Amino acid sequence: MAKDKTRQICIVTVTGKDKVGIIARISSVMAKANVNIVDVSQRIMEDYFVMTMACDITDATADMDKLHRQLSRLGKELHLTITFQHENIFKMMHRV
């Protein structure tokens, strides 16, 4: 990444029943679009999967709309709720 580029961070949140391959499938979507995952927080609460992922889309080969559509399709396929939003929107929605 060039030093003069401002990083564009997006936040992916994932919730739903835990199953094998969730992180792998989401990471695959990101890797194919040249999105760098910069932070991941994940836990299992009973059988419930909860993950927050910070992604740098500065050098992505897909725009936010395309990534959002891909993640929405994946969420439906895996029966998960997946949200994808710019970091600034995420911060505004989660302020105390």
PDB file of N, CA and C in Angstrom:
ATOM      1  N   MET A   1       0.848  -1.173   0.000  1.00  0.00           N
ATOM      2  CA  MET A   1       0.000   0.000   0.000  1.00  0.00           C
ATOM      3  C   MET A   1       0.894   1.237   0.000  1.00  0.00           C
ATOM      4  N   ALA A   2       0.589   2.185  -0.867  1.00  0.00           N
ATOM      5  CA  ALA A   2       1.356   3.423  -0.931  1.00  0.00           C
ATOM      6  C   ALA A   2       1.120   4.244   0.325  1.00  0.00           C
ATOM      7  N   LYS A   3       2.150   4.975   0.750  1.00  0.00           N
ATOM      8  CA  LYS A   3       2.061   5.734   1.991  1.00  0.00           C
ATOM      9  C   LYS A   3       1.076   6.892   1.901  1.00  0.00           C
ATOM     10  N   ASP A   4       0.823   7.428   0.694  1.00  0.00           N
ATOM     11  CA  ASP A   4      -0.065   8.579   0.585  1.00  0.00           C
ATOM     12  C   ASP A   4      -1.544   8.192   0.533  1.00  0.00           C
ATOM     13  N   LYS A   5      -1.853   6.924   0.502  1.00  0.00           N
ATOM     14  CA  LYS A   5      -3.245   6.471   0.499  1.00  0.00           C
ATOM     15  C   LYS A   5      -3.783   6.448   1.923  1.00  0.00           C
ATOM     16  N   THR A   6      -5.005   6.938   2.089  1.00  0.00           N
ATOM     17  CA  THR A   6      -5.678   6.838   3.380  1.00  0.00           C
ATOM     18  C   THR A   6      -6.372   5.484   3.434  1.00  0.00           C
ATOM     19  N   ARG A   7      -6.128   4.756   4.501  1.00  0.00           N
ATOM     20  CA  ARG A   7      -6.775   3.440   4.641  1.00  0.00           C
ATOM     21  C   ARG A   7      -8.279   3.599   4.728  1.00  0.00           C
ATOM     22  N   GLN A   8      -8.976   2.740   4.034  1.00  0.00           N
ATOM     23  CA  GLN A   8     -10.432   2.682   4.101  1.00  0.00           C
ATOM     24  C   GLN A   8     -10.794   1.392   4.826  1.00  0.00           C
ATOM     25  N   ILE A   9     -11.291   1.536   6.035  1.00  0.00           N
ATOM     26  CA  ILE A   9     -11.609   0.368   6.853  1.00  0.00           C
ATOM     27  C   ILE A   9     -13.114   0.137   6.860  1.00  0.00           C
ATOM     28  N   CYS A  10     -13.491  -1.105   6.658  1.00  0.00           N
ATOM     29  CA  CYS A  10     -14.883  -1.518   6.770  1.00  0.00           C
ATOM     30  C   CYS A  10     -14.974  -2.590   7.859  1.00  0.00           C
ATOM     31  N   ILE A  11     -16.151  -2.677   8.450  1.00  0.00           N
ATOM     32  CA  ILE A  11     -16.387  -3.629   9.527  1.00  0.00           C
ATOM     33  C   ILE A  11     -17.404  -4.668   9.060  1.00  0.00           C
ATOM     34  N   VAL A  12     -17.051  -5.925   9.236  1.00  0.00           N
ATOM     35  CA  VAL A  12     -17.945  -7.047   8.943  1.00  0.00           C
ATOM     36  C   VAL A  12     -18.365  -7.632  10.280  1.00  0.00           C
ATOM     37  N   THR A  13     -19.666  -7.780  10.487  1.00  0.00           N
ATOM     38  CA  THR A  13     -20.142  -8.481  11.677  1.00  0.00           C
ATOM     39  C   THR A  13     -20.918  -9.706  11.218  1.00  0.00           C
ATOM     40  N   VAL A  14     -20.726 -10.786  11.955  1.00  0.00           N
ATOM     41  CA  VAL A  14     -21.343 -12.065  11.600  1.00  0.00           C
ATOM     42  C   VAL A  14     -21.946 -12.670  12.857  1.00  0.00           C
ATOM     43  N   THR A  15     -23.198 -13.077  12.769  1.00  0.00           N
ATOM     44  CA  THR A  15     -23.850 -13.779  13.879  1.00  0.00           C
ATOM     45  C   THR A  15     -24.691 -14.917  13.321  1.00  0.00           C
ATOM     46  N   GLY A  16     -24.788 -15.971  14.112  1.00  0.00           N
ATOM     47  CA  GLY A  16     -25.629 -17.102  13.722  1.00  0.00           C
ATOM     48  C   GLY A  16     -25.156 -18.379  14.374  1.00  0.00           C
ATOM     49  N   LYS A  17     -25.839 -19.461  14.044  1.00  0.00           N
ATOM     50  CA  LYS A  17     -25.484 -20.761  14.601  1.00  0.00           C
ATOM     51  C   LYS A  17     -24.098 -21.171  14.116  1.00  0.00           C
ATOM     52  N   ASP A  18     -23.267 -21.611  15.044  1.00  0.00           N
ATOM     53  CA  ASP A  18     -21.895 -21.991  14.710  1.00  0.00           C
ATOM     54  C   ASP A  18     -21.879 -23.205  13.795  1.00  0.00           C
ATOM     55  N   LYS A  19     -20.947 -23.199  12.857  1.00  0.00           N
ATOM     56  CA  LYS A  19     -20.730 -24.341  11.958  1.00  0.00           C
ATOM     57  C   LYS A  19     -19.314 -24.251  11.406  1.00  0.00           C
ATOM     58  N   VAL A  20     -18.831 -25.319  10.899  1.00  0.00           N
ATOM     59  CA  VAL A  20     -17.482 -25.398  10.344  1.00  0.00           C
ATOM     60  C   VAL A  20     -17.378 -24.507   9.106  1.00  0.00           C
ATOM     61  N   GLY A  21     -16.288 -23.725   9.023  1.00  0.00           N
ATOM     62  CA  GLY A  21     -15.963 -23.017   7.788  1.00  0.00           C
ATOM     63  C   GLY A  21     -16.416 -21.580   7.672  1.00  0.00           C
ATOM     64  N   ILE A  22     -17.047 -21.028   8.698  1.00  0.00           N
ATOM     65  CA  ILE A  22     -17.551 -19.652   8.590  1.00  0.00           C
ATOM     66  C   ILE A  22     -16.405 -18.683   8.294  1.00  0.00           C
ATOM     67  N   ILE A  23     -15.377 -18.706   9.116  1.00  0.00           N
ATOM     68  CA  ILE A  23     -14.268 -17.767   8.924  1.00  0.00           C
ATOM     69  C   ILE A  23     -13.581 -18.019   7.584  1.00  0.00           C
ATOM     70  N   ALA A  24     -13.405 -19.263   7.232  1.00  0.00           N
ATOM     71  CA  ALA A  24     -12.753 -19.598   5.959  1.00  0.00           C
ATOM     72  C   ALA A  24     -13.535 -19.050   4.770  1.00  0.00           C
ATOM     73  N   ARG A  25     -14.846 -19.203   4.790  1.00  0.00           N
ATOM     74  CA  ARG A  25     -15.665 -18.738   3.657  1.00  0.00           C
ATOM     75  C   ARG A  25     -15.643 -17.216   3.543  1.00  0.00           C
ATOM     76  N   ILE A  26     -15.744 -16.519   4.670  1.00  0.00           N
ATOM     77  CA  ILE A  26     -15.723 -15.055   4.645  1.00  0.00           C
ATOM     78  C   ILE A  26     -14.337 -14.567   4.228  1.00  0.00           C
ATOM     79  N   SER A  27     -13.298 -15.182   4.767  1.00  0.00           N
ATOM     80  CA  SER A  27     -11.927 -14.806   4.401  1.00  0.00           C
ATOM     81  C   SER A  27     -11.673 -15.023   2.916  1.00  0.00           C
ATOM     82  N   SER A  28     -12.250 -16.060   2.355  1.00  0.00           N
ATOM     83  CA  SER A  28     -12.087 -16.349   0.933  1.00  0.00           C
ATOM     84  C   SER A  28     -12.681 -15.233   0.072  1.00  0.00           C
ATOM     85  N   VAL A  29     -13.878 -14.756   0.443  1.00  0.00           N
ATOM     86  CA  VAL A  29     -14.501 -13.633  -0.280  1.00  0.00           C
ATOM     87  C   VAL A  29     -13.570 -12.428  -0.237  1.00  0.00           C
ATOM     88  N   MET A  30     -13.017 -12.149   0.941  1.00  0.00           N
ATOM     89  CA  MET A  30     -12.134 -10.994   1.099  1.00  0.00           C
ATOM     90  C   MET A  30     -10.851 -11.156   0.279  1.00  0.00           C
ATOM     91  N   ALA A  31     -10.238 -12.320   0.349  1.00  0.00           N
ATOM     92  CA  ALA A  31      -8.986 -12.554  -0.373  1.00  0.00           C
ATOM     93  C   ALA A  31      -9.175 -12.414  -1.885  1.00  0.00           C
ATOM     94  N   LYS A  32     -10.275 -12.939  -2.409  1.00  0.00           N
ATOM     95  CA  LYS A  32     -10.532 -12.853  -3.850  1.00  0.00           C
ATOM     96  C   LYS A  32     -10.696 -11.410  -4.311  1.00  0.00           C
ATOM     97  N   ALA A  33     -11.111 -10.520  -3.405  1.00  0.00           N
ATOM     98  CA  ALA A  33     -11.304  -9.100  -3.742  1.00  0.00           C
ATOM     99  C   ALA A  33     -10.116  -8.245  -3.305  1.00  0.00           C
ATOM    100  N   ASN A  34      -9.012  -8.878  -2.907  1.00  0.00           N
ATOM    101  CA  ASN A  34      -7.810  -8.170  -2.467  1.00  0.00           C
ATOM    102  C   ASN A  34      -8.082  -7.257  -1.264  1.00  0.00           C
ATOM    103  N   VAL A  35      -8.907  -7.749  -0.349  1.00  0.00           N
ATOM    104  CA  VAL A  35      -9.228  -7.028   0.885  1.00  0.00           C
ATOM    105  C   VAL A  35      -8.339  -7.593   1.988  1.00  0.00           C
ATOM    106  N   ASN A  36      -7.690  -6.711   2.733  1.00  0.00           N
ATOM    107  CA  ASN A  36      -6.802  -7.136   3.815  1.00  0.00           C
ATOM    108  C   ASN A  36      -7.572  -7.143   5.137  1.00  0.00           C
ATOM    109  N   ILE A  37      -7.613  -8.277   5.799  1.00  0.00           N
ATOM    110  CA  ILE A  37      -8.245  -8.379   7.118  1.00  0.00           C
ATOM    111  C   ILE A  37      -7.220  -7.903   8.133  1.00  0.00           C
ATOM    112  N   VAL A  38      -7.564  -6.832   8.859  1.00  0.00           N
ATOM    113  CA  VAL A  38      -6.593  -6.241   9.785  1.00  0.00           C
ATOM    114  C   VAL A  38      -6.872  -6.570  11.246  1.00  0.00           C
ATOM    115  N   ASP A  39      -8.066  -7.043  11.560  1.00  0.00           N
ATOM    116  CA  ASP A  39      -8.378  -7.421  12.940  1.00  0.00           C
ATOM    117  C   ASP A  39      -9.600  -8.332  12.936  1.00  0.00           C
ATOM    118  N   VAL A  40      -9.595  -9.306  13.838  1.00  0.00           N
ATOM    119  CA  VAL A  40     -10.731 -10.225  13.982  1.00  0.00           C
ATOM    120  C   VAL A  40     -10.976 -10.479  15.464  1.00  0.00           C
ATOM    121  N   SER A  41     -12.229 -10.395  15.842  1.00  0.00           N
ATOM    122  CA  SER A  41     -12.635 -10.780  17.184  1.00  0.00           C
ATOM    123  C   SER A  41     -13.782 -11.767  17.014  1.00  0.00           C
ATOM    124  N   GLN A  42     -13.622 -12.949  17.573  1.00  0.00           N
ATOM    125  CA  GLN A  42     -14.616 -13.998  17.363  1.00  0.00           C
ATOM    126  C   GLN A  42     -14.796 -14.779  18.655  1.00  0.00           C
ATOM    127  N   ARG A  43     -16.033 -15.170  18.909  1.00  0.00           N
ATOM    128  CA  ARG A  43     -16.280 -16.051  20.060  1.00  0.00           C
ATOM    129  C   ARG A  43     -17.529 -16.877  19.788  1.00  0.00           C
ATOM    130  N   ILE A  44     -17.612 -17.969  20.528  1.00  0.00           N
ATOM    131  CA  ILE A  44     -18.780 -18.846  20.478  1.00  0.00           C
ATOM    132  C   ILE A  44     -19.475 -18.728  21.825  1.00  0.00           C
ATOM    133  N   MET A  45     -20.758 -18.412  21.803  1.00  0.00           N
ATOM    134  CA  MET A  45     -21.563 -18.351  23.026  1.00  0.00           C
ATOM    135  C   MET A  45     -22.608 -19.451  22.917  1.00  0.00           C
ATOM    136  N   GLU A  46     -22.387 -20.521  23.665  1.00  0.00           N
ATOM    137  CA  GLU A  46     -23.151 -21.752  23.522  1.00  0.00           C
ATOM    138  C   GLU A  46     -22.968 -22.214  22.089  1.00  0.00           C
ATOM    139  N   ASP A  47     -24.001 -22.279  21.261  1.00  0.00           N
ATOM    140  CA  ASP A  47     -23.839 -22.674  19.853  1.00  0.00           C
ATOM    141  C   ASP A  47     -23.918 -21.478  18.916  1.00  0.00           C
ATOM    142  N   TYR A  48     -23.779 -20.284  19.450  1.00  0.00           N
ATOM    143  CA  TYR A  48     -23.975 -19.063  18.681  1.00  0.00           C
ATOM    144  C   TYR A  48     -22.629 -18.437  18.333  1.00  0.00           C
ATOM    145  N   PHE A  49     -22.384 -18.230  17.046  1.00  0.00           N
ATOM    146  CA  PHE A  49     -21.146 -17.664  16.537  1.00  0.00           C
ATOM    147  C   PHE A  49     -21.283 -16.142  16.436  1.00  0.00           C
ATOM    148  N   VAL A  50     -20.302 -15.411  16.954  1.00  0.00           N
ATOM    149  CA  VAL A  50     -20.288 -13.948  16.891  1.00  0.00           C
ATOM    150  C   VAL A  50     -18.892 -13.513  16.463  1.00  0.00           C
ATOM    151  N   MET A  51     -18.805 -12.716  15.381  1.00  0.00           N
ATOM    152  CA  MET A  51     -17.504 -12.264  14.903  1.00  0.00           C
ATOM    153  C   MET A  51     -17.592 -10.825  14.409  1.00  0.00           C
ATOM    154  N   THR A  52     -16.549 -10.073  14.697  1.00  0.00           N
ATOM    155  CA  THR A  52     -16.366  -8.742  14.136  1.00  0.00           C
ATOM    156  C   THR A  52     -15.009  -8.745  13.445  1.00  0.00           C
ATOM    157  N   MET A  53     -14.990  -8.276  12.213  1.00  0.00           N
ATOM    158  CA  MET A  53     -13.770  -8.294  11.406  1.00  0.00           C
ATOM    159  C   MET A  53     -13.559  -6.894  10.823  1.00  0.00           C
ATOM    160  N   ALA A  54     -12.369  -6.324  11.035  1.00  0.00           N
ATOM    161  CA  ALA A  54     -12.011  -5.047  10.414  1.00  0.00           C
ATOM    162  C   ALA A  54     -11.212  -5.351   9.148  1.00  0.00           C
ATOM    163  N   CYS A  55     -11.622  -4.743   8.046  1.00  0.00           N
ATOM    164  CA  CYS A  55     -11.011  -5.023   6.751  1.00  0.00           C
ATOM    165  C   CYS A  55     -10.578  -3.728   6.077  1.00  0.00           C
ATOM    166  N   ASP A  56      -9.384  -3.741   5.505  1.00  0.00           N
ATOM    167  CA  ASP A  56      -8.876  -2.598   4.754  1.00  0.00           C
ATOM    168  C   ASP A  56      -9.237  -2.812   3.282  1.00  0.00           C
ATOM    169  N   ILE A  57     -10.121  -1.955   2.756  1.00  0.00           N
ATOM    170  CA  ILE A  57     -10.570  -2.096   1.365  1.00  0.00           C
ATOM    171  C   ILE A  57      -9.860  -1.114   0.434  1.00  0.00           C
ATOM    172  N   THR A  58      -8.803  -0.468   0.913  1.00  0.00           N
ATOM    173  CA  THR A  58      -8.089   0.554   0.135  1.00  0.00           C
ATOM    174  C   THR A  58      -7.700   0.039  -1.252  1.00  0.00           C
ATOM    175  N   ASP A  59      -7.172  -1.160  -1.328  1.00  0.00           N
ATOM    176  CA  ASP A  59      -6.699  -1.714  -2.600  1.00  0.00           C
ATOM    177  C   ASP A  59      -7.618  -2.810  -3.148  1.00  0.00           C
ATOM    178  N   ALA A  60      -8.861  -2.814  -2.693  1.00  0.00           N
ATOM    179  CA  ALA A  60      -9.808  -3.855  -3.115  1.00  0.00           C
ATOM    180  C   ALA A  60     -10.094  -3.778  -4.612  1.00  0.00           C
ATOM    181  N   THR A  61     -10.324  -4.941  -5.198  1.00  0.00           N
ATOM    182  CA  THR A  61     -10.673  -5.015  -6.619  1.00  0.00           C
ATOM    183  C   THR A  61     -12.184  -4.992  -6.819  1.00  0.00           C
ATOM    184  N   ALA A  62     -12.937  -4.952  -5.722  1.00  0.00           N
ATOM    185  CA  ALA A  62     -14.401  -4.860  -5.777  1.00  0.00           C
ATOM    186  C   ALA A  62     -14.813  -3.663  -4.918  1.00  0.00           C
ATOM    187  N   ASP A  63     -15.877  -2.979  -5.334  1.00  0.00           N
ATOM    188  CA  ASP A  63     -16.338  -1.842  -4.531  1.00  0.00           C
ATOM    189  C   ASP A  63     -17.187  -2.336  -3.359  1.00  0.00           C
ATOM    190  N   MET A  64     -17.544  -1.413  -2.465  1.00  0.00           N
ATOM    191  CA  MET A  64     -18.304  -1.783  -1.264  1.00  0.00           C
ATOM    192  C   MET A  64     -19.629  -2.445  -1.608  1.00  0.00           C
ATOM    193  N   ASP A  65     -20.311  -1.964  -2.639  1.00  0.00           N
ATOM    194  CA  ASP A  65     -21.601  -2.562  -3.012  1.00  0.00           C
ATOM    195  C   ASP A  65     -21.438  -4.017  -3.431  1.00  0.00           C
ATOM    196  N   LYS A  66     -20.431  -4.291  -4.239  1.00  0.00           N
ATOM    197  CA  LYS A  66     -20.209  -5.670  -4.690  1.00  0.00           C
ATOM    198  C   LYS A  66     -19.844  -6.569  -3.512  1.00  0.00           C
ATOM    199  N   LEU A  67     -18.961  -6.092  -2.637  1.00  0.00           N
ATOM    200  CA  LEU A  67     -18.608  -6.882  -1.457  1.00  0.00           C
ATOM    201  C   LEU A  67     -19.832  -7.128  -0.580  1.00  0.00           C
ATOM    202  N   HIS A  68     -20.652  -6.114  -0.414  1.00  0.00           N
ATOM    203  CA  HIS A  68     -21.878  -6.253   0.383  1.00  0.00           C
ATOM    204  C   HIS A  68     -22.784  -7.330  -0.220  1.00  0.00           C
ATOM    205  N   ARG A  69     -22.964  -7.313  -1.530  1.00  0.00           N
ATOM    206  CA  ARG A  69     -23.809  -8.324  -2.193  1.00  0.00           C
ATOM    207  C   ARG A  69     -23.235  -9.731  -2.013  1.00  0.00           C
ATOM    208  N   GLN A  70     -21.916  -9.859  -2.172  1.00  0.00           N
ATOM    209  CA  GLN A  70     -21.277 -11.178  -2.019  1.00  0.00           C
ATOM    210  C   GLN A  70     -21.452 -11.706  -0.593  1.00  0.00           C
ATOM    211  N   LEU A  71     -21.259 -10.844   0.386  1.00  0.00           N
ATOM    212  CA  LEU A  71     -21.406 -11.268   1.782  1.00  0.00           C
ATOM    213  C   LEU A  71     -22.865 -11.563   2.121  1.00  0.00           C
ATOM    214  N   SER A  72     -23.790 -10.810   1.546  1.00  0.00           N
ATOM    215  CA  SER A  72     -25.217 -11.085   1.770  1.00  0.00           C
ATOM    216  C   SER A  72     -25.601 -12.452   1.223  1.00  0.00           C
ATOM    217  N   ARG A  73     -25.119 -12.769   0.019  1.00  0.00           N
ATOM    218  CA  ARG A  73     -25.389 -14.096  -0.565  1.00  0.00           C
ATOM    219  C   ARG A  73     -24.804 -15.197   0.313  1.00  0.00           C
ATOM    220  N   LEU A  74     -23.584 -14.984   0.793  1.00  0.00           N
ATOM    221  CA  LEU A  74     -22.941 -15.972   1.655  1.00  0.00           C
ATOM    222  C   LEU A  74     -23.718 -16.138   2.955  1.00  0.00           C
ATOM    223  N   GLY A  75     -24.191 -15.038   3.519  1.00  0.00           N
ATOM    224  CA  GLY A  75     -24.985 -15.100   4.737  1.00  0.00           C
ATOM    225  C   GLY A  75     -26.239 -15.936   4.547  1.00  0.00           C
ATOM    226  N   LYS A  76     -26.924 -15.731   3.424  1.00  0.00           N
ATOM    227  CA  LYS A  76     -28.134 -16.528   3.142  1.00  0.00           C
ATOM    228  C   LYS A  76     -27.785 -18.003   2.994  1.00  0.00           C
ATOM    229  N   GLU A  77     -26.694 -18.275   2.280  1.00  0.00           N
ATOM    230  CA  GLU A  77     -26.269 -19.662   2.055  1.00  0.00           C
ATOM    231  C   GLU A  77     -25.940 -20.370   3.367  1.00  0.00           C
ATOM    232  N   LEU A  78     -25.274 -19.645   4.294  1.00  0.00           N
ATOM    233  CA  LEU A  78     -24.847 -20.253   5.555  1.00  0.00           C
ATOM    234  C   LEU A  78     -25.829 -20.015   6.701  1.00  0.00           C
ATOM    235  N   HIS A  79     -26.948 -19.348   6.412  1.00  0.00           N
ATOM    236  CA  HIS A  79     -27.954 -19.024   7.426  1.00  0.00           C
ATOM    237  C   HIS A  79     -27.351 -18.190   8.556  1.00  0.00           C
ATOM    238  N   LEU A  80     -26.622 -17.127   8.149  1.00  0.00           N
ATOM    239  CA  LEU A  80     -25.987 -16.211   9.085  1.00  0.00           C
ATOM    240  C   LEU A  80     -26.458 -14.787   8.793  1.00  0.00           C
ATOM    241  N   THR A  81     -26.359 -13.932   9.786  1.00  0.00           N
ATOM    242  CA  THR A  81     -26.569 -12.506   9.572  1.00  0.00           C
ATOM    243  C   THR A  81     -25.190 -11.880   9.415  1.00  0.00           C
ATOM    244  N   ILE A  82     -24.935 -11.312   8.229  1.00  0.00           N
ATOM    245  CA  ILE A  82     -23.655 -10.676   7.953  1.00  0.00           C
ATOM    246  C   ILE A  82     -23.914  -9.225   7.580  1.00  0.00           C
ATOM    247  N   THR A  83     -23.270  -8.301   8.290  1.00  0.00           N
ATOM    248  CA  THR A  83     -23.355  -6.895   7.915  1.00  0.00           C
ATOM    249  C   THR A  83     -21.974  -6.424   7.475  1.00  0.00           C
ATOM    250  N   PHE A  84     -21.974  -5.467   6.571  1.00  0.00           N
ATOM    251  CA  PHE A  84     -20.738  -4.920   6.022  1.00  0.00           C
ATOM    252  C   PHE A  84     -20.934  -3.421   5.891  1.00  0.00           C
ATOM    253  N   GLN A  85     -20.145  -2.650   6.638  1.00  0.00           N
ATOM    254  CA  GLN A  85     -20.321  -1.201   6.610  1.00  0.00           C
ATOM    255  C   GLN A  85     -19.001  -0.483   6.837  1.00  0.00           C
ATOM    256  N   HIS A  86     -18.954   0.738   6.348  1.00  0.00           N
ATOM    257  CA  HIS A  86     -17.752   1.552   6.531  1.00  0.00           C
ATOM    258  C   HIS A  86     -17.531   1.775   8.021  1.00  0.00           C
ATOM    259  N   GLU A  87     -16.284   1.850   8.421  1.00  0.00           N
ATOM    260  CA  GLU A  87     -15.904   2.016   9.822  1.00  0.00           C
ATOM    261  C   GLU A  87     -16.604   3.221  10.474  1.00  0.00           C
ATOM    262  N   ASN A  88     -16.714   4.330   9.767  1.00  0.00           N
ATOM    263  CA  ASN A  88     -17.337   5.537  10.341  1.00  0.00           C
ATOM    264  C   ASN A  88     -18.808   5.299  10.685  1.00  0.00           C
ATOM    265  N   ILE A  89     -19.519   4.595   9.829  1.00  0.00           N
ATOM    266  CA  ILE A  89     -20.929   4.280  10.096  1.00  0.00           C
ATOM    267  C   ILE A  89     -21.024   3.336  11.287  1.00  0.00           C
ATOM    268  N   PHE A  90     -20.169   2.327  11.309  1.00  0.00           N
ATOM    269  CA  PHE A  90     -20.156   1.377  12.423  1.00  0.00           C
ATOM    270  C   PHE A  90     -19.925   2.105  13.742  1.00  0.00           C
ATOM    271  N   LYS A  91     -18.945   2.998  13.777  1.00  0.00           N
ATOM    272  CA  LYS A  91     -18.638   3.744  15.003  1.00  0.00           C
ATOM    273  C   LYS A  91     -19.820   4.609  15.436  1.00  0.00           C
ATOM    274  N   MET A  92     -20.469   5.272  14.485  1.00  0.00           N
ATOM    275  CA  MET A  92     -21.607   6.134  14.825  1.00  0.00           C
ATOM    276  C   MET A  92     -22.771   5.298  15.398  1.00  0.00           C
ATOM    277  N   MET A  93     -22.991   4.122  14.847  1.00  0.00           N
ATOM    278  CA  MET A  93     -24.089   3.270  15.302  1.00  0.00           C
ATOM    279  C   MET A  93     -23.817   2.649  16.662  1.00  0.00           C
ATOM    280  N   HIS A  94     -22.552   2.532  17.053  1.00  0.00           N
ATOM    281  CA  HIS A  94     -22.209   1.837  18.285  1.00  0.00           C
ATOM    282  C   HIS A  94     -21.636   2.748  19.362  1.00  0.00           C
ATOM    283  N   ARG A  95     -21.885   4.037  19.226  1.00  0.00           N
ATOM    284  CA  ARG A  95     -21.454   4.974  20.257  1.00  0.00           C
ATOM    285  C   ARG A  95     -22.311   4.807  21.486  1.00  0.00           C
ATOM    286  N   VAL A  96     -21.716   5.027  22.639  1.00  0.00           N
ATOM    287  CA  VAL A  96     -22.457   4.925  23.910  1.00  0.00           C
ATOM    288  C   VAL A  96     -22.985   6.289  24.280  1.00  0.00           C
TER     289      VAL A  96
END
